[in-house]
PDB file of all heavy atoms in Angstrom:
ATOM      1  N   ILE A   1       0.858  -1.187  -0.004  1.00  0.00           N
ATOM      2  CA  ILE A   1       0.020  -0.007   0.004  1.00  0.00           C
ATOM      3  C   ILE A   1       0.890   1.227   0.014  1.00  0.00           C
ATOM      4  O   ILE A   1       1.702   1.399   0.922  1.00  0.00           O
ATOM      5  CB  ILE A   1      -0.959   0.037   1.250  1.00  0.00           C
ATOM      6  CG1 ILE A   1      -1.806  -1.240   1.263  1.00  0.00           C
ATOM      7  CG2 ILE A   1      -1.776   1.311   1.224  1.00  0.00           C
ATOM      8  CD1 ILE A   1      -2.593  -1.429   2.548  1.00  0.00           C
ATOM      9  N   LEU A   2       0.792   2.012  -1.008  1.00  0.00           N
ATOM     10  CA  LEU A   2       1.596   3.237  -1.151  1.00  0.00           C
ATOM     11  C   LEU A   2       0.712   4.442  -1.064  1.00  0.00           C
ATOM     12  O   LEU A   2      -0.409   4.433  -1.529  1.00  0.00           O
ATOM     13  CB  LEU A   2       2.365   3.223  -2.487  1.00  0.00           C
ATOM     14  CG  LEU A   2       3.284   2.063  -2.725  1.00  0.00           C
ATOM     15  CD1 LEU A   2       3.800   2.107  -4.159  1.00  0.00           C
ATOM     16  CD2 LEU A   2       4.400   2.055  -1.731  1.00  0.00           C
ATOM     17  N   GLY A   3       1.243   5.483  -0.469  1.00  0.00           N
ATOM     18  CA  GLY A   3       0.497   6.718  -0.376  1.00  0.00           C
ATOM     19  C   GLY A   3       1.462   7.895  -0.258  1.00  0.00           C
ATOM     20  O   GLY A   3       2.667   7.697  -0.017  1.00  0.00           O
ATOM     21  N   PRO A   4       0.979   9.101  -0.405  1.00  0.00           N
ATOM     22  CA  PRO A   4       1.879  10.229  -0.326  1.00  0.00           C
ATOM     23  C   PRO A   4       2.327  10.483   1.089  1.00  0.00           C
ATOM     24  O   PRO A   4       1.657  10.169   2.040  1.00  0.00           O
ATOM     25  CB  PRO A   4       0.978  11.413  -0.811  1.00  0.00           C
ATOM     26  CG  PRO A   4      -0.410  10.985  -0.559  1.00  0.00           C
ATOM     27  CD  PRO A   4      -0.421   9.455  -0.694  1.00  0.00           C
ATOM     28  N   VAL A   5       3.554  10.988   1.193  1.00  0.00           N
ATOM     29  CA  VAL A   5       4.076  11.341   2.478  1.00  0.00           C
ATOM     30  C   VAL A   5       3.511  12.742   2.787  1.00  0.00           C
ATOM     31  O   VAL A   5       3.637  13.655   1.961  1.00  0.00           O
ATOM     32  CB  VAL A   5       5.625  11.404   2.441  1.00  0.00           C
ATOM     33  CG1 VAL A   5       6.180  11.927   3.769  1.00  0.00           C
ATOM     34  CG2 VAL A   5       6.157  10.031   2.096  1.00  0.00           C
ATOM     35  N   GLN A   6       2.907  12.879   3.901  1.00  0.00           N
ATOM     36  CA  GLN A   6       2.285  14.151   4.267  1.00  0.00           C
ATOM     37  C   GLN A   6       3.386  15.088   4.773  1.00  0.00           C
ATOM     38  O   GLN A   6       4.119  14.755   5.724  1.00  0.00           O
ATOM     39  CB  GLN A   6       1.252  13.935   5.372  1.00  0.00           C
ATOM     40  CG  GLN A   6       0.029  13.174   4.908  1.00  0.00           C
ATOM     41  CD  GLN A   6      -0.712  13.893   3.808  1.00  0.00           C
ATOM     42  OE1 GLN A   6      -0.909  15.107   3.832  1.00  0.00           O
ATOM     43  NE2 GLN A   6      -1.163  13.123   2.814  1.00  0.00           N
ATOM     44  N   GLY A   7       3.460  16.258   4.159  1.00  0.00           N
ATOM     45  CA  GLY A   7       4.430  17.258   4.586  1.00  0.00           C
ATOM     46  C   GLY A   7       3.785  18.190   5.621  1.00  0.00           C
ATOM     47  O   GLY A   7       2.594  18.152   5.850  1.00  0.00           O
ATOM     48  N   GLU A   8       4.633  18.994   6.202  1.00  0.00           N
ATOM     49  CA  GLU A   8       4.132  19.976   7.150  1.00  0.00           C
ATOM     50  C   GLU A   8       3.500  21.130   6.386  1.00  0.00           C
ATOM     51  O   GLU A   8       4.100  21.652   5.421  1.00  0.00           O
ATOM     52  CB  GLU A   8       5.317  20.509   8.025  1.00  0.00           C
ATOM     53  CG  GLU A   8       5.829  19.500   9.016  1.00  0.00           C
ATOM     54  CD  GLU A   8       4.801  19.146  10.060  1.00  0.00           C
ATOM     55  OE1 GLU A   8       4.083  20.065  10.607  1.00  0.00           O
ATOM     56  OE2 GLU A   8       4.633  17.951  10.377  1.00  0.00           O
ATOM     57  N   PRO A   9       2.306  21.542   6.761  1.00  0.00           N
ATOM     58  CA  PRO A   9       1.725  22.700   6.069  1.00  0.00           C
ATOM     59  C   PRO A   9       2.513  23.940   6.310  1.00  0.00           C
ATOM     60  O   PRO A   9       3.095  24.124   7.394  1.00  0.00           O
ATOM     61  CB  PRO A   9       0.282  22.753   6.636  1.00  0.00           C
ATOM     62  CG  PRO A   9       0.345  22.006   7.904  1.00  0.00           C
ATOM     63  CD  PRO A   9       1.471  21.024   7.814  1.00  0.00           C
ATOM     64  N   LEU A  10       2.514  24.857   5.341  1.00  0.00           N
ATOM     65  CA  LEU A  10       3.185  26.146   5.511  1.00  0.00           C
ATOM     66  C   LEU A  10       2.327  27.014   6.437  1.00  0.00           C
ATOM     67  O   LEU A  10       1.125  27.086   6.261  1.00  0.00           O
ATOM     68  CB  LEU A  10       3.358  26.846   4.155  1.00  0.00           C
ATOM     69  CG  LEU A  10       4.282  26.117   3.174  1.00  0.00           C
ATOM     70  CD1 LEU A  10       4.177  26.783   1.805  1.00  0.00           C
ATOM     71  CD2 LEU A  10       5.704  26.169   3.659  1.00  0.00           C
ATOM     72  N   SER A  11       3.015  27.656   7.313  1.00  0.00           N
ATOM     73  CA  SER A  11       2.270  28.558   8.225  1.00  0.00           C
ATOM     74  C   SER A  11       1.879  29.842   7.522  1.00  0.00           C
ATOM     75  O   SER A  11       0.925  30.519   7.935  1.00  0.00           O
ATOM     76  CB  SER A  11       3.125  28.880   9.505  1.00  0.00           C
ATOM     77  OG  SER A  11       4.308  29.482   9.098  1.00  0.00           O
ATOM     78  N   ASP A  12       2.611  30.232   6.496  1.00  0.00           N
ATOM     79  CA  ASP A  12       2.311  31.476   5.745  1.00  0.00           C
ATOM     80  C   ASP A  12       2.474  31.200   4.276  1.00  0.00           C
ATOM     81  O   ASP A  12       3.522  31.469   3.710  1.00  0.00           O
ATOM     82  CB  ASP A  12       3.249  32.591   6.221  1.00  0.00           C
ATOM     83  CG  ASP A  12       3.027  33.906   5.485  1.00  0.00           C
ATOM     84  OD1 ASP A  12       2.015  34.048   4.752  1.00  0.00           O
ATOM     85  OD2 ASP A  12       3.866  34.804   5.593  1.00  0.00           O
ATOM     86  N   LEU A  13       1.427  30.687   3.635  1.00  0.00           N
ATOM     87  CA  LEU A  13       1.484  30.299   2.226  1.00  0.00           C
ATOM     88  C   LEU A  13       1.782  31.512   1.326  1.00  0.00           C
ATOM     89  O   LEU A  13       2.663  31.457   0.476  1.00  0.00           O
ATOM     90  CB  LEU A  13       0.219  29.618   1.758  1.00  0.00           C
ATOM     91  CG  LEU A  13       0.107  29.238   0.258  1.00  0.00           C
ATOM     92  CD1 LEU A  13       1.263  28.317  -0.114  1.00  0.00           C
ATOM     93  CD2 LEU A  13      -1.221  28.661  -0.018  1.00  0.00           C
ATOM     94  N   ASP A  14       1.093  32.620   1.603  1.00  0.00           N
ATOM     95  CA  ASP A  14       1.342  33.824   0.766  1.00  0.00           C
ATOM     96  C   ASP A  14       2.734  34.328   0.898  1.00  0.00           C
ATOM     97  O   ASP A  14       3.362  34.729  -0.066  1.00  0.00           O
ATOM     98  CB  ASP A  14       0.303  34.889   1.116  1.00  0.00           C
ATOM     99  CG  ASP A  14      -1.115  34.492   0.715  1.00  0.00           C
ATOM    100  OD1 ASP A  14      -1.285  33.808  -0.314  1.00  0.00           O
ATOM    101  OD2 ASP A  14      -2.065  34.807   1.465  1.00  0.00           O
ATOM    102  N   GLY A  15       3.286  34.245   2.141  1.00  0.00           N
ATOM    103  CA  GLY A  15       4.699  34.655   2.350  1.00  0.00           C
ATOM    104  C   GLY A  15       5.656  33.750   1.622  1.00  0.00           C
ATOM    105  O   GLY A  15       6.638  34.196   1.057  1.00  0.00           O
ATOM    106  N   ALA A  16       5.356  32.456   1.581  1.00  0.00           N
ATOM    107  CA  ALA A  16       6.207  31.476   0.880  1.00  0.00           C
ATOM    108  C   ALA A  16       6.144  31.751  -0.618  1.00  0.00           C
ATOM    109  O   ALA A  16       7.169  31.602  -1.324  1.00  0.00           O
ATOM    110  CB  ALA A  16       5.771  30.064   1.211  1.00  0.00           C
ATOM    111  N   ILE A  17       4.978  32.065  -1.147  1.00  0.00           N
ATOM    112  CA  ILE A  17       4.825  32.355  -2.573  1.00  0.00           C
ATOM    113  C   ILE A  17       5.667  33.609  -2.909  1.00  0.00           C
ATOM    114  O   ILE A  17       6.408  33.614  -3.891  1.00  0.00           O
ATOM    115  CB  ILE A  17       3.349  32.541  -2.957  1.00  0.00           C
ATOM    116  CG1 ILE A  17       2.577  31.224  -2.887  1.00  0.00           C
ATOM    117  CG2 ILE A  17       3.232  33.158  -4.363  1.00  0.00           C
ATOM    118  CD1 ILE A  17       1.091  31.308  -2.947  1.00  0.00           C
ATOM    119  N   GLU A  18       5.530  34.640  -2.088  1.00  0.00           N
ATOM    120  CA  GLU A  18       6.325  35.866  -2.323  1.00  0.00           C
ATOM    121  C   GLU A  18       7.820  35.577  -2.271  1.00  0.00           C
ATOM    122  O   GLU A  18       8.591  36.067  -3.056  1.00  0.00           O
ATOM    123  CB  GLU A  18       5.910  36.957  -1.337  1.00  0.00           C
ATOM    124  CG  GLU A  18       4.560  37.599  -1.646  1.00  0.00           C
ATOM    125  CD  GLU A  18       4.491  38.245  -3.028  1.00  0.00           C
ATOM    126  OE1 GLU A  18       5.456  38.934  -3.459  1.00  0.00           O
ATOM    127  OE2 GLU A  18       3.476  38.025  -3.718  1.00  0.00           O
ATOM    128  N   HIS A  19       8.209  34.794  -1.277  1.00  0.00           N
ATOM    129  CA  HIS A  19       9.665  34.418  -1.151  1.00  0.00           C
ATOM    130  C   HIS A  19      10.135  33.711  -2.425  1.00  0.00           C
ATOM    131  O   HIS A  19      11.203  34.051  -2.926  1.00  0.00           O
ATOM    132  CB  HIS A  19       9.892  33.592   0.093  1.00  0.00           C
ATOM    133  CG  HIS A  19      11.330  33.181   0.231  1.00  0.00           C
ATOM    134  ND1 HIS A  19      12.263  34.065   0.711  1.00  0.00           N
ATOM    135  CD2 HIS A  19      11.945  32.040  -0.089  1.00  0.00           C
ATOM    136  CE1 HIS A  19      13.455  33.441   0.697  1.00  0.00           C
ATOM    137  NE2 HIS A  19      13.298  32.228   0.240  1.00  0.00           N
ATOM    138  N   ALA A  20       9.322  32.793  -2.884  1.00  0.00           N
ATOM    139  CA  ALA A  20       9.722  32.010  -4.099  1.00  0.00           C
ATOM    140  C   ALA A  20       9.798  32.948  -5.325  1.00  0.00           C
ATOM    141  O   ALA A  20      10.686  32.795  -6.124  1.00  0.00           O
ATOM    142  CB  ALA A  20       8.713  30.876  -4.350  1.00  0.00           C
ATOM    143  N   LEU A  21       8.850  33.886  -5.421  1.00  0.00           N
ATOM    144  CA  LEU A  21       8.869  34.797  -6.553  1.00  0.00           C
ATOM    145  C   LEU A  21      10.064  35.820  -6.440  1.00  0.00           C
ATOM    146  O   LEU A  21      10.593  36.243  -7.445  1.00  0.00           O
ATOM    147  CB  LEU A  21       7.557  35.551  -6.672  1.00  0.00           C
ATOM    148  CG  LEU A  21       6.377  34.688  -7.079  1.00  0.00           C
ATOM    149  CD1 LEU A  21       5.066  35.494  -6.980  1.00  0.00           C
ATOM    150  CD2 LEU A  21       6.568  34.142  -8.476  1.00  0.00           C
ATOM    151  N   ASN A  22      10.445  36.144  -5.203  1.00  0.00           N
ATOM    152  CA  ASN A  22      11.607  37.040  -4.976  1.00  0.00           C
ATOM    153  C   ASN A  22      12.919  36.312  -5.189  1.00  0.00           C
ATOM    154  O   ASN A  22      13.924  36.970  -5.497  1.00  0.00           O
ATOM    155  CB  ASN A  22      11.576  37.603  -3.581  1.00  0.00           C
ATOM    156  CG  ASN A  22      10.508  38.680  -3.410  1.00  0.00           C
ATOM    157  OD1 ASN A  22      10.171  39.353  -4.357  1.00  0.00           O
ATOM    158  ND2 ASN A  22       9.958  38.794  -2.243  1.00  0.00           N
ATOM    159  N   HIS A  23      12.910  34.994  -5.042  1.00  0.00           N
ATOM    160  CA  HIS A  23      14.176  34.201  -5.115  1.00  0.00           C
ATOM    161  C   HIS A  23      13.972  32.974  -6.005  1.00  0.00           C
ATOM    162  O   HIS A  23      14.105  31.866  -5.517  1.00  0.00           O
ATOM    163  CB  HIS A  23      14.613  33.804  -3.704  1.00  0.00           C
ATOM    164  CG  HIS A  23      14.783  34.924  -2.757  1.00  0.00           C
ATOM    165  ND1 HIS A  23      13.749  35.378  -1.899  1.00  0.00           N
ATOM    166  CD2 HIS A  23      15.828  35.749  -2.538  1.00  0.00           C
ATOM    167  CE1 HIS A  23      14.217  36.403  -1.208  1.00  0.00           C
ATOM    168  NE2 HIS A  23      15.458  36.664  -1.561  1.00  0.00           N
ATOM    169  N   PRO A  24      13.686  33.189  -7.296  1.00  0.00           N
ATOM    170  CA  PRO A  24      13.523  32.020  -8.147  1.00  0.00           C
ATOM    171  C   PRO A  24      14.835  31.255  -8.289  1.00  0.00           C
ATOM    172  O   PRO A  24      15.943  31.853  -8.160  1.00  0.00           O
ATOM    173  CB  PRO A  24      13.099  32.646  -9.496  1.00  0.00           C
ATOM    174  CG  PRO A  24      13.560  34.014  -9.448  1.00  0.00           C
ATOM    175  CD  PRO A  24      13.556  34.437  -7.984  1.00  0.00           C
ATOM    176  N   ILE A  25      14.762  29.974  -8.533  1.00  0.00           N
ATOM    177  CA  ILE A  25      15.958  29.139  -8.606  1.00  0.00           C
ATOM    178  C   ILE A  25      16.661  29.366  -9.967  1.00  0.00           C
ATOM    179  O   ILE A  25      16.077  29.165 -11.013  1.00  0.00           O
ATOM    180  CB  ILE A  25      15.573  27.657  -8.463  1.00  0.00           C
ATOM    181  CG1 ILE A  25      14.918  27.405  -7.117  1.00  0.00           C
ATOM    182  CG2 ILE A  25      16.803  26.726  -8.648  1.00  0.00           C
ATOM    183  CD1 ILE A  25      14.310  26.067  -6.919  1.00  0.00           C
ATOM    184  N   ASP A  26      17.885  29.820  -9.846  1.00  0.00           N
ATOM    185  CA  ASP A  26      18.747  30.053 -11.015  1.00  0.00           C
ATOM    186  C   ASP A  26      18.123  30.948 -12.094  1.00  0.00           C
ATOM    187  O   ASP A  26      18.362  30.742 -13.309  1.00  0.00           O
ATOM    188  CB  ASP A  26      19.151  28.733 -11.678  1.00  0.00           C
ATOM    189  CG  ASP A  26      20.062  27.894 -10.750  1.00  0.00           C
ATOM    190  OD1 ASP A  26      20.841  28.502  -9.967  1.00  0.00           O
ATOM    191  OD2 ASP A  26      19.992  26.668 -10.854  1.00  0.00           O
ATOM    192  N   GLN A  27      17.261  31.886 -11.710  1.00  0.00           N
ATOM    193  CA  GLN A  27      16.633  32.804 -12.650  1.00  0.00           C
ATOM    194  C   GLN A  27      16.561  34.220 -12.011  1.00  0.00           C
ATOM    195  O   GLN A  27      16.566  34.319 -10.773  1.00  0.00           O
ATOM    196  CB  GLN A  27      15.206  32.377 -12.980  1.00  0.00           C
ATOM    197  CG  GLN A  27      15.019  31.069 -13.655  1.00  0.00           C
ATOM    198  CD  GLN A  27      15.636  31.083 -15.046  1.00  0.00           C
ATOM    199  OE1 GLN A  27      15.448  32.078 -15.793  1.00  0.00           O
ATOM    200  NE2 GLN A  27      16.339  30.018 -15.454  1.00  0.00           N
ATOM    201  N   ALA A  28      16.422  35.190 -12.824  1.00  0.00           N
ATOM    202  CA  ALA A  28      16.162  36.552 -12.305  1.00  0.00           C
ATOM    203  C   ALA A  28      14.656  36.593 -11.991  1.00  0.00           C
ATOM    204  O   ALA A  28      13.851  35.875 -12.561  1.00  0.00           O
ATOM    205  CB  ALA A  28      16.489  37.558 -13.379  1.00  0.00           C
ATOM    206  N   PRO A  29      14.258  37.470 -11.040  1.00  0.00           N
ATOM    207  CA  PRO A  29      12.840  37.625 -10.741  1.00  0.00           C
ATOM    208  C   PRO A  29      12.020  37.956 -12.022  1.00  0.00           C
ATOM    209  O   PRO A  29      12.499  38.597 -12.939  1.00  0.00           O
ATOM    210  CB  PRO A  29      12.819  38.782  -9.759  1.00  0.00           C
ATOM    211  CG  PRO A  29      14.160  38.772  -9.122  1.00  0.00           C
ATOM    212  CD  PRO A  29      15.101  38.351 -10.246  1.00  0.00           C
ATOM    213  N   LEU A  30      10.796  37.529 -12.024  1.00  0.00           N
ATOM    214  CA  LEU A  30       9.880  37.649 -13.142  1.00  0.00           C
ATOM    215  C   LEU A  30       9.822  39.059 -13.665  1.00  0.00           C
ATOM    216  O   LEU A  30       9.918  39.285 -14.878  1.00  0.00           O
ATOM    217  CB  LEU A  30       8.477  37.217 -12.707  1.00  0.00           C
ATOM    218  CG  LEU A  30       7.364  37.378 -13.740  1.00  0.00           C
ATOM    219  CD1 LEU A  30       7.601  36.506 -14.948  1.00  0.00           C
ATOM    220  CD2 LEU A  30       6.032  37.024 -13.090  1.00  0.00           C
TER     221      LEU A  30
END
């Protein structure tokens, strides 16, 4: 029986999205 590993939910999803957009991996910001 296989299933997804449950990760820890982000406490601040909008903050995490902004952080990702501010710091894209190996790219300049959008």
